[in-house]
C-alpha atoms as a PDB file:
ATOM      1  CA  MET A   1       0.000   0.000   0.000  1.00  0.00           C
ATOM      2  CA  THR A   2       2.786   2.450   0.828  1.00  0.00           C
ATOM      3  CA  SER A   3       4.644   1.463  -2.326  1.00  0.00           C
ATOM      4  CA  LEU A   4       1.568   2.186  -4.412  1.00  0.00           C
ATOM      5  CA  THR A   5       1.207   5.550  -2.713  1.00  0.00           C
ATOM      6  CA  MET A   6       4.816   6.440  -3.453  1.00  0.00           C
ATOM      7  CA  ILE A   7       4.499   5.337  -7.074  1.00  0.00           C
ATOM      8  CA  ILE A   8       1.362   7.441  -7.534  1.00  0.00           C
ATOM      9  CA  GLY A   9       3.052  10.367  -5.783  1.00  0.00           C
ATOM     10  CA  MET A  10       6.008  10.212  -8.170  1.00  0.00           C
ATOM     11  CA  LEU A  11       3.892  10.188 -11.336  1.00  0.00           C
ATOM     12  CA  PRO A  12       3.891  14.007 -11.586  1.00  0.00           C
ATOM     13  CA  LEU A  13       7.689  13.887 -11.709  1.00  0.00           C
ATOM     14  CA  MET A  14       7.550  11.428 -14.602  1.00  0.00           C
ATOM     15  CA  PHE A  15       5.242  13.677 -16.607  1.00  0.00           C
ATOM     16  CA  ALA A  16       6.873  16.989 -15.661  1.00  0.00           C
ATOM     17  CA  SER A  17       7.156  19.770 -18.183  1.00  0.00           C
ATOM     18  CA  GLY A  18       8.794  23.146 -18.125  1.00  0.00           C
ATOM     19  CA  VAL A  19      12.095  24.296 -16.715  1.00  0.00           C
ATOM     20  CA  GLY A  20      14.168  21.436 -15.296  1.00  0.00           C
ATOM     21  CA  ALA A  21      11.810  18.799 -16.671  1.00  0.00           C
ATOM     22  CA  ASN A  22      14.657  16.572 -17.853  1.00  0.00           C
ATOM     23  CA  GLY A  23      15.996  16.134 -14.354  1.00  0.00           C
ATOM     24  CA  SER A  24      12.547  15.636 -12.877  1.00  0.00           C
ATOM     25  CA  ARG A  25      11.607  13.031 -15.490  1.00  0.00           C
ATOM     26  CA  THR A  26      14.837  11.140 -14.938  1.00  0.00           C
ATOM     27  CA  ILE A  27      14.353  10.999 -11.184  1.00  0.00           C
ATOM     28  CA  GLY A  28      10.666  10.132 -11.563  1.00  0.00           C
ATOM     29  CA  VAL A  29      11.310   7.272 -13.968  1.00  0.00           C
ATOM     30  CA  CYS A  30      14.077   5.848 -11.783  1.00  0.00           C
ATOM     31  CA  VAL A  31      12.052   6.026  -8.582  1.00  0.00           C
ATOM     32  CA  VAL A  32       8.858   4.618 -10.099  1.00  0.00           C
ATOM     33  CA  GLY A  33      10.727   1.876 -11.955  1.00  0.00           C
ATOM     34  CA  GLY A  34      12.695   0.914  -8.860  1.00  0.00           C
ATOM     35  CA  MET A  35       9.616   0.823  -6.667  1.00  0.00           C
ATOM     36  CA  LEU A  36       7.698  -1.279  -9.199  1.00  0.00           C
ATOM     37  CA  PHE A  37      10.603  -3.685  -9.651  1.00  0.00           C
ATOM     38  CA  GLY A  38      11.210  -3.971  -5.920  1.00  0.00           C
ATOM     39  CA  THR A  39       7.564  -4.414  -5.027  1.00  0.00           C
ATOM     40  CA  LEU A  40       6.931  -7.054  -7.675  1.00  0.00           C
ATOM     41  CA  GLY A  41      10.178  -8.787  -6.772  1.00  0.00           C
ATOM     42  CA  LEU A  42       9.197  -8.998  -3.127  1.00  0.00           C
ATOM     43  CA  LEU A  43       5.657 -10.101  -3.912  1.00  0.00           C
ATOM     44  CA  LEU A  44       7.047 -13.004  -5.927  1.00  0.00           C
ATOM     45  CA  THR A  45      10.215 -13.846  -3.990  1.00  0.00           C
ATOM     46  CA  VAL A  46       8.986 -13.931  -0.392  1.00  0.00           C
ATOM     47  CA  PRO A  47       6.191 -16.499  -0.901  1.00  0.00           C
ATOM     48  CA  VAL A  48       8.471 -18.738  -2.959  1.00  0.00           C
ATOM     49  CA  LEU A  49      11.201 -18.622  -0.315  1.00  0.00           C
ATOM     50  CA  PHE A  50       8.632 -19.305   2.400  1.00  0.00           C
ATOM     51  CA  VAL A  51       7.467 -22.464   0.628  1.00  0.00           C
ATOM     52  CA  VAL A  52      11.050 -23.616   0.011  1.00  0.00           C
ATOM     53  CA  PHE A  53      12.101 -23.141   3.639  1.00  0.00           C
ATOM     54  CA  GLN A  54       8.872 -24.736   4.866  1.00  0.00           C
ATOM     55  CA  LYS A  55       9.604 -27.868   2.815  1.00  0.00           C
ATOM     56  CA  ILE A  56      13.181 -27.968   4.120  1.00  0.00           C
ATOM     57  CA  GLN A  57      11.930 -27.636   7.690  1.00  0.00           C
ATOM     58  CA  GLU A  58       9.421 -30.450   7.196  1.00  0.00           C
ATOM     59  CA  ARG A  59      12.136 -32.740   5.813  1.00  0.00           C
ATOM     60  CA  VAL A  60      14.496 -31.975   8.693  1.00  0.00           C
ATOM     61  CA  ARG A  61      11.796 -32.564  11.322  1.00  0.00           C
ATOM     62  CA  LYS A  62      10.727 -35.777   9.613  1.00  0.00           C
ATOM     63  CA  ASN A  63      14.303 -37.083   9.651  1.00  0.00           C
ATOM     64  CA  LYS A  64      14.749 -36.174  13.326  1.00  0.00           C
ATOM     65  CA  SER A  65      11.577 -37.988  14.380  1.00  0.00           C
ATOM     66  CA  ILE A  66      12.646 -41.169  12.546  1.00  0.00           C
ATOM     67  CA  GLN A  67      15.991 -41.395  14.327  1.00  0.00           C
END
């Protein structure tokens, strides 16, 4: 939710016009792109890692209970 708010807040920088617009656009594109990439990366990476570590934990516990 906060990422979406920041992305929406940076949209005026991406579409800036007038004096200094080149610098504003550059910063806006970098910030919005980074936030989108980071947010999507976390939304995909964290659940996958959770499942992987959960499976590892189940295997380790299963092996300990057998011995």
